[in-house]
């Protein structure tokens, strides 16, 4: 019976989290997890061990230390994207993706999260209500 109660409680918590409208300005960082998760829990090693894994680098706010790469180069998107080019622009500590089609209007979006680190990094932008 305790197991069923725990499962229901976990699903209720997940449903509550999924229903929340979380914005980039609300992000507290993984440091806010340390207070409750400092000790090991079952097979989960705890916050200290978590900070030593690459999982802590999955979604980060853009900054000088989290944005890796050469932002002076443009990337050719190839024929599937009409030979458009994509570049970056940095302005006042903010990073922007600049989409440059061969014809039409240039688009620009602010990077709100990085995704990954090391040999490959992607960038998330917010377009309307989607990332």
N, C-alpha and C. Protein backbone atom coordinates (compact mmCIF):
# COMPACT_ATOMS: atom_id res chain seq x y z
N UNK A 1 0.82 -1.19 0.00
CA UNK A 1 0.00 0.00 0.00
C UNK A 1 0.87 1.26 0.00
N UNK A 2 1.97 1.23 0.75
CA UNK A 2 2.87 2.38 0.80
C UNK A 2 3.47 2.65 -0.58
N UNK A 3 3.76 1.57 -1.32
CA UNK A 3 4.35 1.71 -2.65
C UNK A 3 3.38 2.41 -3.60
N UNK A 4 2.10 2.06 -3.54
CA UNK A 4 1.08 2.69 -4.38
C UNK A 4 0.94 4.16 -4.01
N UNK A 5 0.92 4.45 -2.70
CA UNK A 5 0.81 5.83 -2.24
C UNK A 5 2.00 6.65 -2.75
N UNK A 6 3.21 6.10 -2.69
CA UNK A 6 4.41 6.78 -3.16
C UNK A 6 4.33 7.03 -4.66
N UNK A 7 3.88 6.05 -5.42
CA UNK A 7 3.76 6.22 -6.87
C UNK A 7 2.76 7.32 -7.21
N UNK A 8 1.61 7.32 -6.54
CA UNK A 8 0.59 8.36 -6.76
C UNK A 8 1.17 9.73 -6.41
N UNK A 9 1.89 9.82 -5.32
CA UNK A 9 2.49 11.07 -4.89
C UNK A 9 3.50 11.58 -5.92
N UNK A 10 4.33 10.68 -6.45
CA UNK A 10 5.32 11.05 -7.46
C UNK A 10 4.62 11.55 -8.72
N UNK A 11 3.59 10.84 -9.19
CA UNK A 11 2.86 11.28 -10.39
C UNK A 11 2.18 12.63 -10.17
N UNK A 12 1.65 12.85 -8.98
CA UNK A 12 1.01 14.14 -8.68
C UNK A 12 2.05 15.27 -8.72
N UNK A 13 3.22 15.00 -8.17
CA UNK A 13 4.29 16.01 -8.19
C UNK A 13 4.72 16.31 -9.62
N UNK A 14 4.89 15.26 -10.42
CA UNK A 14 5.28 15.46 -11.82
C UNK A 14 4.22 16.22 -12.60
N UNK A 15 2.97 15.92 -12.36
CA UNK A 15 1.88 16.63 -13.04
C UNK A 15 1.87 18.10 -12.66
N UNK A 16 2.14 18.39 -11.40
CA UNK A 16 2.19 19.78 -10.93
C UNK A 16 3.34 20.52 -11.60
N UNK A 17 4.50 19.89 -11.67
CA UNK A 17 5.66 20.51 -12.30
C UNK A 17 5.40 20.74 -13.78
N UNK A 18 4.81 19.77 -14.46
CA UNK A 18 4.53 19.89 -15.89
C UNK A 18 3.54 21.00 -16.18
N UNK A 19 2.63 21.26 -15.27
CA UNK A 19 1.60 22.28 -15.47
C UNK A 19 2.11 23.69 -15.18
N UNK A 20 3.25 23.80 -14.51
CA UNK A 20 3.78 25.12 -14.17
C UNK A 20 4.30 25.82 -15.42
N UNK A 21 4.12 27.13 -15.48
CA UNK A 21 4.62 27.93 -16.58
C UNK A 21 5.99 28.45 -16.18
N UNK A 22 7.04 27.73 -16.56
CA UNK A 22 8.40 28.09 -16.16
C UNK A 22 9.02 28.94 -17.25
N UNK A 23 9.60 30.05 -16.89
CA UNK A 23 10.24 30.96 -17.81
C UNK A 23 11.73 30.97 -17.51
N UNK A 24 12.53 31.38 -18.49
CA UNK A 24 13.98 31.41 -18.31
C UNK A 24 14.38 32.28 -17.13
N UNK A 25 13.62 33.35 -16.85
CA UNK A 25 13.95 34.21 -15.72
C UNK A 25 13.70 33.53 -14.39
N UNK A 26 12.90 32.46 -14.36
CA UNK A 26 12.59 31.75 -13.13
C UNK A 26 13.63 30.69 -12.79
N UNK A 27 14.52 30.39 -13.70
CA UNK A 27 15.49 29.32 -13.52
C UNK A 27 16.41 29.65 -12.35
N UNK A 28 16.51 28.73 -11.41
CA UNK A 28 17.30 28.95 -10.20
C UNK A 28 18.67 28.30 -10.25
N UNK A 29 18.90 27.41 -11.21
CA UNK A 29 20.16 26.71 -11.27
C UNK A 29 20.14 25.47 -10.40
N UNK A 30 21.06 24.56 -10.65
CA UNK A 30 21.07 23.31 -9.90
C UNK A 30 21.50 23.50 -8.45
N UNK A 31 22.13 24.64 -8.14
CA UNK A 31 22.55 24.89 -6.76
C UNK A 31 21.36 24.87 -5.81
N UNK A 32 20.18 25.26 -6.30
CA UNK A 32 19.00 25.29 -5.44
C UNK A 32 18.55 23.88 -5.04
N UNK A 33 19.06 22.85 -5.72
CA UNK A 33 18.71 21.46 -5.41
C UNK A 33 19.51 20.93 -4.21
N UNK A 34 20.66 21.53 -3.95
CA UNK A 34 21.59 21.01 -2.95
C UNK A 34 20.98 20.89 -1.56
N UNK A 35 20.13 21.83 -1.17
CA UNK A 35 19.57 21.83 0.18
C UNK A 35 18.81 20.53 0.48
N UNK A 36 18.01 20.06 -0.47
CA UNK A 36 17.20 18.85 -0.24
C UNK A 36 17.89 17.56 -0.69
N UNK A 37 18.82 17.66 -1.59
CA UNK A 37 19.40 16.46 -2.20
C UNK A 37 20.88 16.29 -1.88
N UNK A 38 21.32 16.73 -0.72
CA UNK A 38 22.74 16.64 -0.40
C UNK A 38 23.17 15.22 -0.05
N UNK A 39 22.24 14.42 0.49
CA UNK A 39 22.58 13.03 0.87
C UNK A 39 22.13 12.06 -0.21
N UNK A 40 22.78 10.90 -0.30
CA UNK A 40 22.35 9.88 -1.25
C UNK A 40 20.92 9.43 -0.95
N UNK A 41 20.18 9.10 -2.00
CA UNK A 41 18.81 8.61 -1.87
C UNK A 41 18.69 7.37 -2.75
N UNK A 42 18.64 6.21 -2.14
CA UNK A 42 18.59 4.97 -2.92
C UNK A 42 19.84 4.86 -3.77
N UNK A 43 19.67 4.67 -5.07
CA UNK A 43 20.83 4.56 -5.96
C UNK A 43 21.30 5.94 -6.44
N UNK A 44 20.52 7.00 -6.16
CA UNK A 44 20.93 8.35 -6.54
C UNK A 44 22.02 8.81 -5.59
N UNK A 45 23.19 9.21 -6.12
CA UNK A 45 24.34 9.50 -5.25
C UNK A 45 24.28 10.82 -4.50
N UNK A 46 23.34 11.68 -4.80
CA UNK A 46 23.27 12.96 -4.12
C UNK A 46 23.82 14.08 -4.98
N UNK A 47 23.63 15.31 -4.50
CA UNK A 47 23.96 16.51 -5.26
C UNK A 47 25.44 16.61 -5.59
N UNK A 48 26.31 16.32 -4.65
CA UNK A 48 27.75 16.48 -4.89
C UNK A 48 28.21 15.62 -6.05
N UNK A 49 27.81 14.37 -6.09
CA UNK A 49 28.19 13.49 -7.20
C UNK A 49 27.53 13.95 -8.50
N UNK A 50 26.29 14.45 -8.42
CA UNK A 50 25.60 14.95 -9.60
C UNK A 50 26.38 16.09 -10.25
N UNK A 51 26.95 16.98 -9.44
CA UNK A 51 27.68 18.12 -10.00
C UNK A 51 28.94 17.70 -10.75
N UNK A 52 29.38 16.47 -10.54
CA UNK A 52 30.57 15.97 -11.22
C UNK A 52 30.23 15.30 -12.56
N UNK A 53 28.96 15.23 -12.93
CA UNK A 53 28.56 14.57 -14.17
C UNK A 53 28.28 15.58 -15.27
N UNK A 54 28.23 15.08 -16.51
CA UNK A 54 27.89 15.94 -17.64
C UNK A 54 26.42 16.35 -17.64
N UNK A 55 25.59 15.69 -16.83
CA UNK A 55 24.17 16.05 -16.74
C UNK A 55 23.99 17.50 -16.27
N UNK A 56 24.97 18.02 -15.54
CA UNK A 56 24.87 19.40 -15.07
C UNK A 56 25.09 20.40 -16.20
N UNK A 57 25.53 19.92 -17.37
CA UNK A 57 25.81 20.81 -18.50
C UNK A 57 24.74 20.71 -19.59
N UNK A 58 23.64 20.01 -19.32
CA UNK A 58 22.63 19.79 -20.37
C UNK A 58 21.97 21.09 -20.79
N UNK A 59 21.39 21.82 -19.88
CA UNK A 59 20.76 23.11 -20.19
C UNK A 59 21.37 24.17 -19.29
N UNK A 60 22.06 25.12 -19.91
CA UNK A 60 22.68 26.20 -19.14
C UNK A 60 22.27 27.53 -19.75
N UNK A 61 22.26 28.55 -18.92
CA UNK A 61 22.01 29.89 -19.43
C UNK A 61 23.25 30.35 -20.20
N UNK A 62 23.07 31.07 -21.30
CA UNK A 62 24.23 31.49 -22.08
C UNK A 62 25.10 32.50 -21.34
N UNK A 63 26.40 32.27 -21.40
CA UNK A 63 27.37 33.18 -20.79
C UNK A 63 28.71 32.96 -21.46
N UNK A 64 29.69 33.74 -21.08
CA UNK A 64 31.03 33.60 -21.64
C UNK A 64 31.58 32.20 -21.38
N UNK A 65 31.27 31.61 -20.22
CA UNK A 65 31.81 30.30 -19.89
C UNK A 65 30.99 29.13 -20.45
N UNK A 66 29.70 29.35 -20.76
CA UNK A 66 28.87 28.24 -21.24
C UNK A 66 28.72 28.21 -22.75
N UNK A 67 28.97 29.32 -23.43
CA UNK A 67 28.86 29.36 -24.89
C UNK A 67 30.23 29.03 -25.47
N UNK A 68 30.33 27.87 -26.11
CA UNK A 68 31.61 27.46 -26.68
C UNK A 68 31.53 27.56 -28.20
N UNK A 69 32.63 27.74 -28.83
CA UNK A 69 32.64 27.78 -30.29
C UNK A 69 33.18 29.08 -30.83
N UNK A 70 33.32 29.10 -32.14
CA UNK A 70 33.82 30.27 -32.85
C UNK A 70 32.62 31.01 -33.43
N UNK A 71 32.23 32.10 -32.82
CA UNK A 71 31.03 32.82 -33.23
C UNK A 71 31.29 33.83 -34.34
N UNK A 72 32.49 33.80 -34.90
CA UNK A 72 32.77 34.67 -36.04
C UNK A 72 32.45 33.97 -37.35
N UNK A 73 32.22 32.67 -37.31
CA UNK A 73 31.96 31.90 -38.53
C UNK A 73 30.46 31.78 -38.78
N UNK A 74 30.11 31.60 -40.06
CA UNK A 74 28.74 31.31 -40.44
C UNK A 74 28.68 29.85 -40.90
N UNK A 75 27.53 29.23 -40.72
CA UNK A 75 27.33 27.85 -41.11
C UNK A 75 26.39 27.83 -42.31
N UNK A 76 26.78 27.14 -43.36
CA UNK A 76 25.93 26.98 -44.53
C UNK A 76 24.96 25.84 -44.24
N UNK A 77 23.66 26.11 -44.33
CA UNK A 77 22.63 25.12 -44.00
C UNK A 77 22.40 24.12 -45.13
N UNK A 78 22.96 24.33 -46.30
CA UNK A 78 22.83 23.37 -47.39
C UNK A 78 21.56 23.56 -48.20
N UNK A 79 21.42 22.72 -49.21
CA UNK A 79 20.31 22.86 -50.15
C UNK A 79 18.95 22.56 -49.51
N UNK A 80 18.91 21.73 -48.48
CA UNK A 80 17.63 21.43 -47.81
C UNK A 80 17.02 22.69 -47.19
N UNK A 81 17.85 23.67 -46.90
CA UNK A 81 17.39 24.93 -46.30
C UNK A 81 17.64 26.10 -47.23
N UNK A 82 17.61 25.83 -48.53
CA UNK A 82 17.76 26.91 -49.52
C UNK A 82 19.10 27.61 -49.47
N UNK A 83 20.14 26.90 -49.05
CA UNK A 83 21.48 27.46 -48.92
C UNK A 83 21.55 28.68 -48.01
N UNK A 84 20.65 28.72 -47.04
CA UNK A 84 20.68 29.80 -46.05
C UNK A 84 21.92 29.64 -45.18
N UNK A 85 22.32 30.71 -44.57
CA UNK A 85 23.45 30.68 -43.64
C UNK A 85 22.95 31.05 -42.25
N UNK A 86 23.65 30.55 -41.24
CA UNK A 86 23.34 30.88 -39.86
C UNK A 86 24.61 31.39 -39.20
N UNK A 87 24.47 32.49 -38.51
CA UNK A 87 25.59 33.07 -37.81
C UNK A 87 25.19 33.47 -36.40
N UNK A 88 26.11 34.09 -35.70
CA UNK A 88 25.88 34.53 -34.33
C UNK A 88 26.15 36.03 -34.23
N UNK A 89 25.53 36.61 -33.24
CA UNK A 89 25.81 37.99 -32.90
C UNK A 89 25.83 38.07 -31.38
N UNK A 90 26.83 38.75 -30.85
CA UNK A 90 26.94 38.94 -29.40
C UNK A 90 26.80 40.43 -29.14
N UNK A 91 25.90 40.78 -28.22
CA UNK A 91 25.66 42.18 -27.92
C UNK A 91 25.38 42.33 -26.43
N UNK A 92 26.27 43.00 -25.73
CA UNK A 92 26.07 43.27 -24.31
C UNK A 92 25.90 42.03 -23.46
N UNK A 93 26.63 40.98 -23.76
CA UNK A 93 26.53 39.75 -22.98
C UNK A 93 25.38 38.85 -23.40
N UNK A 94 24.62 39.25 -24.41
CA UNK A 94 23.54 38.41 -24.93
C UNK A 94 23.98 37.81 -26.27
N UNK A 95 23.55 36.59 -26.50
CA UNK A 95 23.92 35.86 -27.70
C UNK A 95 22.69 35.71 -28.60
N UNK A 96 22.90 35.91 -29.90
CA UNK A 96 21.81 35.84 -30.85
C UNK A 96 22.17 34.91 -32.00
N UNK A 97 21.18 34.14 -32.46
CA UNK A 97 21.30 33.33 -33.66
C UNK A 97 20.72 34.17 -34.79
N UNK A 98 21.47 34.28 -35.89
CA UNK A 98 21.03 35.07 -37.02
C UNK A 98 20.87 34.14 -38.22
N UNK A 99 19.62 34.01 -38.70
CA UNK A 99 19.30 33.16 -39.84
C UNK A 99 19.25 34.05 -41.07
N UNK A 100 20.11 33.73 -42.06
CA UNK A 100 20.25 34.56 -43.25
C UNK A 100 19.87 33.77 -44.49
N UNK A 101 18.61 33.87 -44.92
CA UNK A 101 18.20 33.15 -46.13
C UNK A 101 18.79 33.81 -47.38
N UNK A 102 18.90 33.05 -48.46
CA UNK A 102 19.40 33.60 -49.73
C UNK A 102 18.46 34.71 -50.22
N UNK A 103 17.17 34.48 -50.04
CA UNK A 103 16.18 35.50 -50.39
C UNK A 103 15.23 35.65 -49.21
N UNK A 104 14.69 36.81 -49.03
CA UNK A 104 13.77 37.02 -47.92
C UNK A 104 14.41 37.76 -46.77
N UNK A 105 13.69 37.81 -45.68
CA UNK A 105 14.09 38.60 -44.52
C UNK A 105 14.98 37.81 -43.57
N UNK A 106 16.03 38.45 -43.11
CA UNK A 106 16.92 37.87 -42.10
C UNK A 106 16.17 37.79 -40.78
N UNK A 107 16.32 36.68 -40.04
CA UNK A 107 15.68 36.49 -38.74
C UNK A 107 16.74 36.42 -37.66
N UNK A 108 16.39 36.88 -36.48
CA UNK A 108 17.33 36.86 -35.37
C UNK A 108 16.57 36.48 -34.10
N UNK A 109 17.15 35.57 -33.32
CA UNK A 109 16.54 35.14 -32.06
C UNK A 109 17.61 35.08 -30.98
N UNK A 110 17.25 35.50 -29.77
CA UNK A 110 18.18 35.44 -28.65
C UNK A 110 18.30 34.02 -28.15
N UNK A 111 19.52 33.59 -27.86
CA UNK A 111 19.77 32.28 -27.27
C UNK A 111 19.34 32.35 -25.81
N UNK A 112 18.44 31.44 -25.40
CA UNK A 112 17.98 31.45 -24.01
C UNK A 112 18.58 30.30 -23.20
N UNK A 113 19.03 29.24 -23.88
CA UNK A 113 19.70 28.12 -23.21
C UNK A 113 20.73 27.51 -24.16
N UNK A 114 21.79 26.99 -23.58
CA UNK A 114 22.69 26.13 -24.33
C UNK A 114 22.27 24.69 -24.04
N UNK A 115 22.60 23.81 -24.94
CA UNK A 115 22.26 22.40 -24.78
C UNK A 115 23.50 21.61 -25.13
N UNK A 116 24.13 21.03 -24.11
CA UNK A 116 25.34 20.26 -24.33
C UNK A 116 26.59 21.12 -24.20
N UNK A 117 27.71 20.43 -24.14
CA UNK A 117 28.99 21.12 -24.01
C UNK A 117 30.07 20.15 -24.48
N UNK A 118 31.20 20.64 -24.85
CA UNK A 118 32.28 19.79 -25.32
C UNK A 118 32.33 19.78 -26.83
N UNK A 119 32.28 18.61 -27.41
CA UNK A 119 32.45 18.50 -28.86
C UNK A 119 31.23 18.95 -29.64
N UNK A 120 30.07 19.05 -29.01
CA UNK A 120 28.86 19.46 -29.72
C UNK A 120 27.97 20.27 -28.79
N UNK A 121 27.52 21.41 -29.28
CA UNK A 121 26.64 22.24 -28.49
C UNK A 121 25.53 22.78 -29.38
N UNK A 122 24.34 22.79 -28.85
CA UNK A 122 23.19 23.35 -29.56
C UNK A 122 22.66 24.51 -28.74
N UNK A 123 21.82 25.30 -29.40
CA UNK A 123 21.32 26.51 -28.76
C UNK A 123 19.80 26.56 -28.88
N UNK A 124 19.14 26.88 -27.78
CA UNK A 124 17.69 26.98 -27.77
C UNK A 124 17.30 28.44 -27.79
N UNK A 125 16.36 28.75 -28.67
CA UNK A 125 15.80 30.09 -28.74
C UNK A 125 14.31 29.96 -28.47
N UNK A 126 13.67 31.03 -28.05
CA UNK A 126 12.24 30.99 -27.81
C UNK A 126 11.54 31.72 -28.96
N UNK A 127 10.66 31.00 -29.64
CA UNK A 127 9.85 31.57 -30.70
C UNK A 127 8.41 31.41 -30.27
N UNK A 128 7.78 32.53 -29.98
CA UNK A 128 6.44 32.56 -29.39
C UNK A 128 6.47 31.80 -28.08
N UNK A 129 5.76 30.67 -27.95
CA UNK A 129 5.77 29.94 -26.67
C UNK A 129 6.57 28.64 -26.74
N UNK A 130 7.34 28.46 -27.81
CA UNK A 130 8.12 27.22 -27.98
C UNK A 130 9.61 27.50 -27.98
N UNK A 131 10.35 26.49 -27.58
CA UNK A 131 11.81 26.57 -27.61
C UNK A 131 12.32 25.70 -28.74
